[in-house]
Amino acid sequence: MHESNEKLKMSLYVALMAGITAILAQLTIPLPLVPITGQTLAIGLCATILGRKYGTLAVMIYVAMGAIGLPVFSEAKGGFMVLIGPTGGYIVGFIIAAYITGLILEKTSFTLFPAVVANIVGMVITLVFGAVQLKFIASLSWEQAISGGVIPFLLVGVIKALLAAILGVTIRRRLMSAKLLPKEATRPA
């Protein structure tokens, strides 16, 4: 009975984080090629709070919701065409970023410095995936893809990585001390 309660709790946390990602995605600063959004902050929070397995699952659910047409991506967009469009690489990169961010934290510790490093690595992964797809979909040179799809996001990305690390570690620590985050979330998958 106890194990099923923990699985239910984790399912609720996963659903909650997928929903929070959808909400933060609507915080948008428009730029010419790709907007700055709250999505990457949410991806970092998913991985920092829930770890590799459940953080990645939350992001996969978010991506699946958007893929089937729910308006959860930035600017209330949804549908499979978004995933194969110019910004789709960033969205696909979110899944890998969540996994690697959570993995780094599980291999080190869910404390501030490793969380900052893990979230910066996650940001770089997202930007690489985004720039690669942007280059090919928009028929850009590598220089154009990097100057339009990476460079404008570096400073903001580092700030969001810091925020995700600080908030994520704090929230995770409080959930753990209140015994609200099941032990299952602390074990590597």
N, C-alpha and C. Protein backbone atom coordinates (compact mmCIF):
# COMPACT_ATOMS: atom_id res chain seq x y z
N MET A 1 0.82 -1.20 0.00
CA MET A 1 0.00 0.00 0.00
C MET A 1 0.86 1.26 0.00
N HIS A 2 1.94 1.23 0.81
CA HIS A 2 2.81 2.40 0.93
C HIS A 2 3.47 2.73 -0.42
N GLU A 3 3.92 1.69 -1.13
CA GLU A 3 4.57 1.90 -2.43
C GLU A 3 3.61 2.51 -3.44
N SER A 4 2.35 2.08 -3.43
CA SER A 4 1.39 2.64 -4.38
C SER A 4 1.09 4.10 -4.04
N ASN A 5 1.12 4.45 -2.76
CA ASN A 5 0.94 5.86 -2.36
C ASN A 5 2.08 6.72 -2.88
N GLU A 6 3.31 6.20 -2.80
CA GLU A 6 4.46 6.96 -3.30
C GLU A 6 4.38 7.13 -4.81
N LYS A 7 3.96 6.08 -5.51
CA LYS A 7 3.82 6.19 -6.98
C LYS A 7 2.73 7.20 -7.34
N LEU A 8 1.65 7.20 -6.59
CA LEU A 8 0.59 8.18 -6.82
C LEU A 8 1.11 9.60 -6.59
N LYS A 9 1.85 9.80 -5.49
CA LYS A 9 2.43 11.11 -5.21
C LYS A 9 3.33 11.56 -6.36
N MET A 10 4.19 10.65 -6.82
CA MET A 10 5.11 11.02 -7.89
C MET A 10 4.34 11.31 -9.18
N SER A 11 3.28 10.57 -9.45
CA SER A 11 2.45 10.84 -10.63
C SER A 11 1.85 12.24 -10.53
N LEU A 12 1.42 12.61 -9.35
CA LEU A 12 0.86 13.95 -9.16
C LEU A 12 1.92 15.04 -9.35
N TYR A 13 3.12 14.79 -8.81
CA TYR A 13 4.21 15.76 -9.00
C TYR A 13 4.57 15.90 -10.48
N VAL A 14 4.61 14.78 -11.18
CA VAL A 14 4.94 14.80 -12.62
C VAL A 14 3.88 15.62 -13.36
N ALA A 15 2.60 15.35 -13.08
CA ALA A 15 1.53 16.09 -13.74
C ALA A 15 1.59 17.58 -13.39
N LEU A 16 1.86 17.88 -12.13
CA LEU A 16 1.96 19.27 -11.69
C LEU A 16 3.09 19.99 -12.42
N MET A 17 4.25 19.35 -12.52
CA MET A 17 5.39 19.98 -13.18
C MET A 17 5.14 20.13 -14.68
N ALA A 18 4.45 19.18 -15.31
CA ALA A 18 4.10 19.33 -16.73
C ALA A 18 3.18 20.54 -16.89
N GLY A 19 2.24 20.72 -15.96
CA GLY A 19 1.35 21.87 -16.01
C GLY A 19 2.07 23.18 -15.76
N ILE A 20 2.99 23.19 -14.81
CA ILE A 20 3.78 24.40 -14.54
C ILE A 20 4.61 24.77 -15.76
N THR A 21 5.15 23.76 -16.45
CA THR A 21 5.92 24.02 -17.67
C THR A 21 5.03 24.68 -18.72
N ALA A 22 3.81 24.19 -18.88
CA ALA A 22 2.87 24.78 -19.84
C ALA A 22 2.55 26.23 -19.49
N ILE A 23 2.42 26.51 -18.20
CA ILE A 23 2.12 27.88 -17.77
C ILE A 23 3.33 28.78 -17.99
N LEU A 24 4.52 28.35 -17.58
CA LEU A 24 5.71 29.18 -17.75
C LEU A 24 6.07 29.39 -19.22
N ALA A 25 5.64 28.47 -20.08
CA ALA A 25 5.90 28.64 -21.52
C ALA A 25 5.18 29.86 -22.08
N GLN A 26 4.14 30.29 -21.39
CA GLN A 26 3.38 31.44 -21.89
C GLN A 26 4.02 32.77 -21.51
N LEU A 27 5.03 32.73 -20.65
CA LEU A 27 5.82 33.94 -20.36
C LEU A 27 6.82 34.09 -21.49
N THR A 28 6.57 35.04 -22.37
CA THR A 28 7.35 35.14 -23.61
C THR A 28 7.83 36.55 -23.87
N ILE A 29 9.09 36.64 -24.30
CA ILE A 29 9.65 37.89 -24.80
C ILE A 29 9.96 37.64 -26.28
N PRO A 30 9.20 38.26 -27.19
CA PRO A 30 9.41 37.97 -28.61
C PRO A 30 10.76 38.49 -29.12
N LEU A 31 11.42 37.67 -29.93
CA LEU A 31 12.64 38.04 -30.65
C LEU A 31 12.43 37.64 -32.11
N PRO A 32 13.26 38.14 -33.03
CA PRO A 32 13.03 37.87 -34.45
C PRO A 32 12.92 36.38 -34.83
N LEU A 33 13.86 35.54 -34.44
CA LEU A 33 13.82 34.14 -34.86
C LEU A 33 13.14 33.23 -33.84
N VAL A 34 13.52 33.33 -32.58
CA VAL A 34 13.02 32.45 -31.53
C VAL A 34 12.75 33.30 -30.29
N PRO A 35 11.57 33.17 -29.66
CA PRO A 35 11.29 33.98 -28.47
C PRO A 35 12.01 33.44 -27.23
N ILE A 36 12.22 34.32 -26.26
CA ILE A 36 12.70 33.91 -24.94
C ILE A 36 11.45 33.53 -24.16
N THR A 37 11.46 32.34 -23.55
CA THR A 37 10.28 31.88 -22.82
C THR A 37 10.66 31.38 -21.43
N GLY A 38 9.64 31.10 -20.64
CA GLY A 38 9.84 30.53 -19.32
C GLY A 38 9.97 29.01 -19.33
N GLN A 39 9.89 28.42 -20.53
CA GLN A 39 9.97 26.96 -20.63
C GLN A 39 11.26 26.41 -20.05
N THR A 40 12.39 27.00 -20.41
CA THR A 40 13.67 26.44 -19.95
C THR A 40 13.81 26.52 -18.44
N LEU A 41 13.26 27.56 -17.83
CA LEU A 41 13.23 27.64 -16.37
C LEU A 41 12.45 26.46 -15.82
N ALA A 42 11.32 26.18 -16.42
CA ALA A 42 10.47 25.07 -15.96
C ALA A 42 11.16 23.72 -16.15
N ILE A 43 11.88 23.55 -17.25
CA ILE A 43 12.58 22.29 -17.50
C ILE A 43 13.63 22.07 -16.40
N GLY A 44 14.36 23.12 -16.07
CA GLY A 44 15.34 23.03 -14.99
C GLY A 44 14.69 22.71 -13.65
N LEU A 45 13.54 23.31 -13.39
CA LEU A 45 12.82 23.02 -12.15
C LEU A 45 12.37 21.56 -12.10
N CYS A 46 11.85 21.06 -13.22
CA CYS A 46 11.42 19.65 -13.27
C CYS A 46 12.56 18.73 -12.86
N ALA A 47 13.72 18.90 -13.48
CA ALA A 47 14.85 18.02 -13.21
C ALA A 47 15.44 18.23 -11.83
N THR A 48 15.50 19.47 -11.38
CA THR A 48 16.11 19.77 -10.08
C THR A 48 15.24 19.31 -8.92
N ILE A 49 13.94 19.42 -9.08
CA ILE A 49 13.04 19.00 -8.01
C ILE A 49 12.80 17.49 -8.05
N LEU A 50 12.53 16.96 -9.24
CA LEU A 50 12.09 15.56 -9.35
C LEU A 50 13.19 14.57 -9.73
N GLY A 51 14.34 15.06 -10.17
CA GLY A 51 15.41 14.15 -10.59
C GLY A 51 15.25 13.69 -12.02
N ARG A 52 16.12 12.79 -12.41
CA ARG A 52 16.23 12.34 -13.80
C ARG A 52 14.96 11.67 -14.30
N LYS A 53 14.51 10.63 -13.63
CA LYS A 53 13.39 9.83 -14.11
C LYS A 53 12.09 10.64 -14.16
N TYR A 54 11.71 11.22 -13.04
CA TYR A 54 10.42 11.90 -12.98
C TYR A 54 10.45 13.28 -13.62
N GLY A 55 11.59 13.96 -13.55
CA GLY A 55 11.72 15.24 -14.23
C GLY A 55 11.60 15.08 -15.74
N THR A 56 12.25 14.05 -16.26
CA THR A 56 12.18 13.77 -17.70
C THR A 56 10.77 13.36 -18.09
N LEU A 57 10.12 12.57 -17.26
CA LEU A 57 8.75 12.16 -17.54
C LEU A 57 7.82 13.37 -17.59
N ALA A 58 7.99 14.31 -16.68
CA ALA A 58 7.17 15.53 -16.69
C ALA A 58 7.37 16.30 -17.99
N VAL A 59 8.61 16.40 -18.44
CA VAL A 59 8.90 17.12 -19.68
C VAL A 59 8.33 16.36 -20.88
N MET A 60 8.44 15.04 -20.86
CA MET A 60 7.89 14.25 -21.97
C MET A 60 6.36 14.41 -22.05
N ILE A 61 5.71 14.47 -20.92
CA ILE A 61 4.26 14.67 -20.91
C ILE A 61 3.93 16.05 -21.46
N TYR A 62 4.69 17.05 -21.04
CA TYR A 62 4.49 18.41 -21.57
C TYR A 62 4.64 18.42 -23.09
N VAL A 63 5.71 17.81 -23.60
CA VAL A 63 5.94 17.77 -25.05
C VAL A 63 4.82 17.00 -25.75
N ALA A 64 4.38 15.90 -25.16
CA ALA A 64 3.29 15.11 -25.75
C ALA A 64 1.99 15.91 -25.79
N MET A 65 1.72 16.67 -24.73
CA MET A 65 0.51 17.50 -24.71
C MET A 65 0.55 18.49 -25.87
N GLY A 66 1.70 19.11 -26.07
CA GLY A 66 1.83 20.05 -27.18
C GLY A 66 1.75 19.36 -28.53
N ALA A 67 2.36 18.19 -28.65
CA ALA A 67 2.38 17.47 -29.91
C ALA A 67 0.97 17.07 -30.36
N ILE A 68 0.10 16.75 -29.41
CA ILE A 68 -1.26 16.36 -29.80
C ILE A 68 -2.17 17.56 -30.04
N GLY A 69 -1.63 18.76 -29.87
CA GLY A 69 -2.39 19.94 -30.23
C GLY A 69 -2.82 20.84 -29.09
N LEU A 70 -2.56 20.46 -27.85
CA LEU A 70 -2.90 21.36 -26.75
C LEU A 70 -2.01 22.60 -26.83
N PRO A 71 -2.55 23.77 -26.57
CA PRO A 71 -1.77 25.02 -26.73
C PRO A 71 -0.83 25.29 -25.57
N VAL A 72 0.13 24.39 -25.35
CA VAL A 72 1.01 24.50 -24.18
C VAL A 72 2.39 25.06 -24.51
N PHE A 73 2.75 25.10 -25.81
CA PHE A 73 4.04 25.66 -26.18
C PHE A 73 3.95 27.18 -26.11
N SER A 74 5.08 27.86 -26.27
CA SER A 74 5.08 29.33 -26.16
C SER A 74 4.07 29.94 -27.13
N GLU A 75 3.54 31.06 -26.71
CA GLU A 75 2.54 31.79 -27.48
C GLU A 75 1.29 30.95 -27.72
N ALA A 76 0.98 30.05 -26.77
CA ALA A 76 -0.19 29.17 -26.83
C ALA A 76 -0.27 28.37 -28.12
N LYS A 77 0.88 27.92 -28.59
CA LYS A 77 0.92 27.08 -29.78
C LYS A 77 0.89 25.62 -29.38
N GLY A 78 0.45 24.79 -30.29
CA GLY A 78 0.44 23.36 -30.08
C GLY A 78 0.36 22.66 -31.42
N GLY A 79 0.60 21.38 -31.42
CA GLY A 79 0.52 20.58 -32.63
C GLY A 79 1.89 20.07 -33.05
N PHE A 80 1.85 18.97 -33.78
CA PHE A 80 3.07 18.32 -34.23
C PHE A 80 3.92 19.23 -35.12
N MET A 81 3.27 20.12 -35.86
CA MET A 81 3.99 21.02 -36.77
C MET A 81 4.96 21.92 -36.00
N VAL A 82 4.65 22.26 -34.76
CA VAL A 82 5.56 23.07 -33.96
C VAL A 82 6.86 22.29 -33.74
N LEU A 83 6.73 20.97 -33.49
CA LEU A 83 7.91 20.15 -33.23
C LEU A 83 8.81 20.01 -34.45
N ILE A 84 8.24 20.08 -35.63
CA ILE A 84 9.08 19.97 -36.83
C ILE A 84 9.36 21.32 -37.46
N GLY A 85 8.94 22.39 -36.78
CA GLY A 85 9.21 23.75 -37.25
C GLY A 85 10.52 24.29 -36.72
N PRO A 86 10.77 25.58 -36.93
CA PRO A 86 12.05 26.19 -36.55
C PRO A 86 12.38 26.11 -35.06
N THR A 87 11.38 26.13 -34.18
CA THR A 87 11.65 26.09 -32.75
C THR A 87 11.54 24.68 -32.15
N GLY A 88 11.21 23.70 -32.96
CA GLY A 88 11.00 22.34 -32.47
C GLY A 88 12.23 21.70 -31.85
N GLY A 89 13.41 22.05 -32.34
CA GLY A 89 14.63 21.49 -31.79
C GLY A 89 14.82 21.84 -30.32
N TYR A 90 14.43 23.05 -29.96
CA TYR A 90 14.52 23.44 -28.56
C TYR A 90 13.61 22.56 -27.71
N ILE A 91 12.40 22.34 -28.20
CA ILE A 91 11.42 21.55 -27.45
C ILE A 91 11.89 20.11 -27.29
N VAL A 92 12.38 19.51 -28.36
CA VAL A 92 12.93 18.15 -28.26
C VAL A 92 14.15 18.15 -27.33
N GLY A 93 14.96 19.19 -27.42
CA GLY A 93 16.13 19.31 -26.54
C GLY A 93 15.76 19.38 -25.07
N PHE A 94 14.54 19.86 -24.76
CA PHE A 94 14.09 19.92 -23.36
C PHE A 94 14.13 18.54 -22.72
N ILE A 95 13.75 17.51 -23.47
CA ILE A 95 13.70 16.15 -22.92
C ILE A 95 15.11 15.69 -22.55
N ILE A 96 16.06 15.88 -23.47
CA ILE A 96 17.45 15.48 -23.22
C ILE A 96 18.03 16.33 -22.09
N ALA A 97 17.72 17.62 -22.09
CA ALA A 97 18.23 18.52 -21.05
C ALA A 97 17.74 18.09 -19.67
N ALA A 98 16.46 17.74 -19.56
CA ALA A 98 15.92 17.31 -18.26
C ALA A 98 16.62 16.03 -17.80
N TYR A 99 16.81 15.10 -18.72
CA TYR A 99 17.45 13.84 -18.36
C TYR A 99 18.89 14.07 -17.87
N ILE A 100 19.67 14.82 -18.65
CA ILE A 100 21.08 15.06 -18.30
C ILE A 100 21.18 15.90 -17.02
N THR A 101 20.33 16.91 -16.88
CA THR A 101 20.34 17.72 -15.67
C THR A 101 20.07 16.86 -14.44
N GLY A 102 19.03 16.03 -14.52
CA GLY A 102 18.72 15.13 -13.41
C GLY A 102 19.81 14.12 -13.15
N LEU A 103 20.41 13.61 -14.21
CA LEU A 103 21.49 12.64 -14.08
C LEU A 103 22.69 13.25 -13.35
N ILE A 104 23.07 14.45 -13.75
CA ILE A 104 24.20 15.13 -13.08
C ILE A 104 23.90 15.30 -11.59
N LEU A 105 22.69 15.72 -11.27
CA LEU A 105 22.33 15.92 -9.86
C LEU A 105 22.32 14.61 -9.08
N GLU A 106 21.86 13.54 -9.71
CA GLU A 106 21.86 12.24 -9.03
C GLU A 106 23.27 11.71 -8.83
N LYS A 107 24.17 12.01 -9.76
CA LYS A 107 25.56 11.53 -9.64
C LYS A 107 26.38 12.41 -8.69
N THR A 108 25.93 13.63 -8.44
CA THR A 108 26.63 14.52 -7.51
C THR A 108 25.76 14.69 -6.27
N SER A 109 25.02 15.79 -6.20
CA SER A 109 24.08 16.00 -5.10
C SER A 109 23.09 17.09 -5.50
N PHE A 110 21.95 17.06 -4.85
CA PHE A 110 20.92 18.06 -5.10
C PHE A 110 21.19 19.28 -4.21
N THR A 111 22.38 19.87 -4.42
CA THR A 111 22.76 21.08 -3.70
C THR A 111 23.03 22.17 -4.72
N LEU A 112 23.27 23.37 -4.24
CA LEU A 112 23.29 24.53 -5.12
C LEU A 112 24.34 24.48 -6.23
N PHE A 113 25.60 24.26 -5.90
CA PHE A 113 26.62 24.31 -6.95
C PHE A 113 26.40 23.26 -8.04
N PRO A 114 26.19 21.98 -7.67
CA PRO A 114 25.91 21.00 -8.73
C PRO A 114 24.63 21.33 -9.51
N ALA A 115 23.65 21.92 -8.84
CA ALA A 115 22.41 22.29 -9.53
C ALA A 115 22.64 23.40 -10.55
N VAL A 116 23.49 24.35 -10.20
CA VAL A 116 23.82 25.42 -11.16
C VAL A 116 24.53 24.82 -12.37
N VAL A 117 25.54 23.99 -12.12
CA VAL A 117 26.29 23.35 -13.22
C VAL A 117 25.34 22.52 -14.08
N ALA A 118 24.51 21.69 -13.44
CA ALA A 118 23.59 20.81 -14.18
C ALA A 118 22.61 21.61 -15.02
N ASN A 119 22.10 22.70 -14.48
CA ASN A 119 21.14 23.51 -15.22
C ASN A 119 21.79 24.28 -16.36
N ILE A 120 23.04 24.69 -16.19
CA ILE A 120 23.75 25.34 -17.30
C ILE A 120 24.02 24.31 -18.41
N VAL A 121 24.40 23.10 -18.04
CA VAL A 121 24.59 22.04 -19.03
C VAL A 121 23.27 21.79 -19.77
N GLY A 122 22.17 21.74 -19.02
CA GLY A 122 20.85 21.55 -19.64
C GLY A 122 20.51 22.67 -20.61
N MET A 123 20.84 23.90 -20.24
CA MET A 123 20.59 25.04 -21.12
C MET A 123 21.38 24.91 -22.41
N VAL A 124 22.64 24.52 -22.30
CA VAL A 124 23.49 24.36 -23.49
C VAL A 124 22.92 23.26 -24.39
N ILE A 125 22.49 22.16 -23.80
CA ILE A 125 21.89 21.07 -24.59
C ILE A 125 20.68 21.58 -25.36
N THR A 126 19.81 22.30 -24.69
CA THR A 126 18.62 22.85 -25.34
C THR A 126 19.01 23.76 -26.49
N LEU A 127 19.98 24.64 -26.28
CA LEU A 127 20.39 25.56 -27.32
C LEU A 127 21.03 24.85 -28.51
N VAL A 128 21.80 23.80 -28.25
CA VAL A 128 22.42 23.04 -29.35
C VAL A 128 21.34 22.38 -30.20
N PHE A 129 20.41 21.68 -29.54
CA PHE A 129 19.32 21.04 -30.29
C PHE A 129 18.52 22.07 -31.08
N GLY A 130 18.25 23.20 -30.43
CA GLY A 130 17.48 24.25 -31.10
C GLY A 130 18.20 24.83 -32.30
N ALA A 131 19.48 25.12 -32.15
CA ALA A 131 20.24 25.72 -33.25
C ALA A 131 20.37 24.76 -34.44
N VAL A 132 20.56 23.49 -34.15
CA VAL A 132 20.70 22.51 -35.24
C VAL A 132 19.42 22.46 -36.06
N GLN A 133 18.27 22.33 -35.39
CA GLN A 133 17.02 22.27 -36.14
C GLN A 133 16.73 23.60 -36.83
N LEU A 134 16.99 24.71 -36.16
CA LEU A 134 16.78 26.02 -36.75
C LEU A 134 17.59 26.18 -38.03
N LYS A 135 18.82 25.73 -38.01
CA LYS A 135 19.69 25.83 -39.18
C LYS A 135 19.08 25.13 -40.38
N PHE A 136 18.61 23.90 -40.16
CA PHE A 136 18.12 23.11 -41.29
C PHE A 136 16.70 23.51 -41.71
N ILE A 137 15.82 23.77 -40.79
CA ILE A 137 14.44 24.12 -41.12
C ILE A 137 14.36 25.50 -41.77
N ALA A 138 15.12 26.44 -41.26
CA ALA A 138 15.09 27.81 -41.79
C ALA A 138 16.13 28.04 -42.88
N SER A 139 16.84 26.99 -43.27
CA SER A 139 17.89 27.10 -44.30
C SER A 139 18.89 28.21 -43.99
N LEU A 140 19.40 28.17 -42.78
CA LEU A 140 20.37 29.17 -42.33
C LEU A 140 21.78 28.58 -42.39
N SER A 141 22.76 29.47 -42.42
CA SER A 141 24.15 29.02 -42.26
C SER A 141 24.34 28.72 -40.77
N TRP A 142 25.44 28.03 -40.45
CA TRP A 142 25.72 27.78 -39.04
C TRP A 142 25.89 29.09 -38.29
N GLU A 143 26.55 30.05 -38.92
CA GLU A 143 26.75 31.35 -38.28
C GLU A 143 25.41 32.02 -37.98
N GLN A 144 24.48 31.98 -38.92
CA GLN A 144 23.16 32.58 -38.70
C GLN A 144 22.38 31.84 -37.61
N ALA A 145 22.45 30.51 -37.63
CA ALA A 145 21.73 29.72 -36.63
C ALA A 145 22.28 29.99 -35.23
N ILE A 146 23.58 30.12 -35.11
CA ILE A 146 24.18 30.40 -33.80
C ILE A 146 23.92 31.84 -33.38
N SER A 147 24.07 32.77 -34.30
CA SER A 147 23.86 34.18 -33.94
C SER A 147 22.40 34.49 -33.66
N GLY A 148 21.48 33.77 -34.28
CA GLY A 148 20.05 34.01 -34.05
C GLY A 148 19.40 33.06 -33.06
N GLY A 149 19.97 31.85 -32.92
CA GLY A 149 19.33 30.83 -32.11
C GLY A 149 20.07 30.42 -30.86
N VAL A 150 21.27 30.97 -30.64
CA VAL A 150 22.04 30.63 -29.44
C VAL A 150 22.47 31.89 -28.69
N ILE A 151 23.21 32.75 -29.35
CA ILE A 151 23.83 33.90 -28.68
C ILE A 151 22.82 34.78 -27.93
N PRO A 152 21.64 35.10 -28.52
CA PRO A 152 20.71 35.95 -27.77
C PRO A 152 20.19 35.32 -26.48
N PHE A 153 20.36 34.00 -26.35
CA PHE A 153 19.78 33.29 -25.22
C PHE A 153 20.79 32.92 -24.13
N LEU A 154 22.06 33.18 -24.37
CA LEU A 154 23.09 32.75 -23.42
C LEU A 154 22.95 33.43 -22.05
N LEU A 155 22.92 34.75 -22.02
CA LEU A 155 22.84 35.46 -20.74
C LEU A 155 21.53 35.13 -20.02
N VAL A 156 20.42 35.21 -20.75
CA VAL A 156 19.12 34.90 -20.15
C VAL A 156 19.09 33.44 -19.71
N GLY A 157 19.71 32.56 -20.50
CA GLY A 157 19.77 31.13 -20.16
C GLY A 157 20.52 30.89 -18.86
N VAL A 158 21.63 31.58 -18.68
CA VAL A 158 22.40 31.44 -17.44
C VAL A 158 21.57 31.95 -16.26
N ILE A 159 20.88 33.06 -16.44
CA ILE A 159 20.03 33.59 -15.37
C ILE A 159 18.93 32.59 -15.01
N LYS A 160 18.29 32.01 -16.05
CA LYS A 160 17.24 31.02 -15.79
C LYS A 160 17.81 29.76 -15.16
N ALA A 161 19.03 29.37 -15.55
CA ALA A 161 19.67 28.20 -14.93
C ALA A 161 19.94 28.45 -13.45
N LEU A 162 20.40 29.66 -13.12
CA LEU A 162 20.63 30.02 -11.72
C LEU A 162 19.32 29.99 -10.94
N LEU A 163 18.27 30.57 -11.53
CA LEU A 163 16.96 30.57 -10.87
C LEU A 163 16.44 29.15 -10.67
N ALA A 164 16.55 28.32 -11.70
CA ALA A 164 16.08 26.93 -11.59
C ALA A 164 16.85 26.20 -10.50
N ALA A 165 18.15 26.45 -10.42
CA ALA A 165 18.97 25.79 -9.39
C ALA A 165 18.56 26.25 -7.99
N ILE A 166 18.47 27.55 -7.80
CA ILE A 166 18.13 28.09 -6.48
C ILE A 166 16.73 27.67 -6.05
N LEU A 167 15.75 27.91 -6.93
CA LEU A 167 14.37 27.55 -6.59
C LEU A 167 14.20 26.03 -6.47
N GLY A 168 14.78 25.30 -7.42
CA GLY A 168 14.63 23.85 -7.42
C GLY A 168 15.21 23.19 -6.19
N VAL A 169 16.43 23.58 -5.82
CA VAL A 169 17.07 23.01 -4.62
C VAL A 169 16.27 23.38 -3.37
N THR A 170 15.82 24.62 -3.29
CA THR A 170 15.04 25.07 -2.13
C THR A 170 13.72 24.31 -2.02
N ILE A 171 13.00 24.23 -3.13
CA ILE A 171 11.70 23.53 -3.13
C ILE A 171 11.91 22.05 -2.81
N ARG A 172 12.89 21.44 -3.45
CA ARG A 172 13.17 20.01 -3.20
C ARG A 172 13.51 19.77 -1.73
N ARG A 173 14.36 20.61 -1.18
CA ARG A 173 14.77 20.46 0.23
C ARG A 173 13.55 20.59 1.15
N ARG A 174 12.68 21.54 0.86
CA ARG A 174 11.50 21.73 1.71
C ARG A 174 10.52 20.56 1.57
N LEU A 175 10.34 20.08 0.36
CA LEU A 175 9.47 18.92 0.15
C LEU A 175 10.02 17.68 0.87
N MET A 176 11.34 17.52 0.82
CA MET A 176 11.97 16.37 1.48
C MET A 176 11.84 16.49 3.00
N SER A 177 12.09 17.68 3.54
CA SER A 177 12.02 17.83 5.00
C SER A 177 10.58 17.70 5.51
N ALA A 178 9.61 18.04 4.68
CA ALA A 178 8.20 17.88 5.06
C ALA A 178 7.70 16.47 4.76
N LYS A 179 8.59 15.63 4.25
CA LYS A 179 8.26 14.25 3.86
C LYS A 179 7.15 14.20 2.82
N LEU A 180 7.13 15.21 1.95
CA LEU A 180 6.14 15.27 0.87
C LEU A 180 6.68 14.72 -0.44
N LEU A 181 7.98 14.65 -0.55
CA LEU A 181 8.60 14.07 -1.75
C LEU A 181 9.01 12.66 -1.37
N PRO A 182 8.40 11.65 -1.99
CA PRO A 182 8.68 10.25 -1.61
C PRO A 182 10.14 9.87 -1.78
N LYS A 183 10.55 8.89 -1.02
CA LYS A 183 11.93 8.38 -1.10
C LYS A 183 12.27 7.96 -2.51
N GLU A 184 11.27 7.46 -3.26
CA GLU A 184 11.48 7.00 -4.63
C GLU A 184 12.11 8.11 -5.49
N ALA A 185 11.77 9.37 -5.18
CA ALA A 185 12.31 10.49 -5.96
C ALA A 185 13.77 10.74 -5.67
N THR A 186 14.28 10.17 -4.59
CA THR A 186 15.68 10.41 -4.23
C THR A 186 16.59 9.31 -4.73
N ARG A 187 16.01 8.23 -5.21
CA ARG A 187 16.82 7.11 -5.70
C ARG A 187 16.99 7.22 -7.20
N PRO A 188 18.17 6.94 -7.70
CA PRO A 188 18.36 6.91 -9.15
C PRO A 188 17.49 5.82 -9.77
N ALA A 189 17.02 6.07 -10.99
CA ALA A 189 16.16 5.10 -11.68
C ALA A 189 16.95 3.91 -12.15
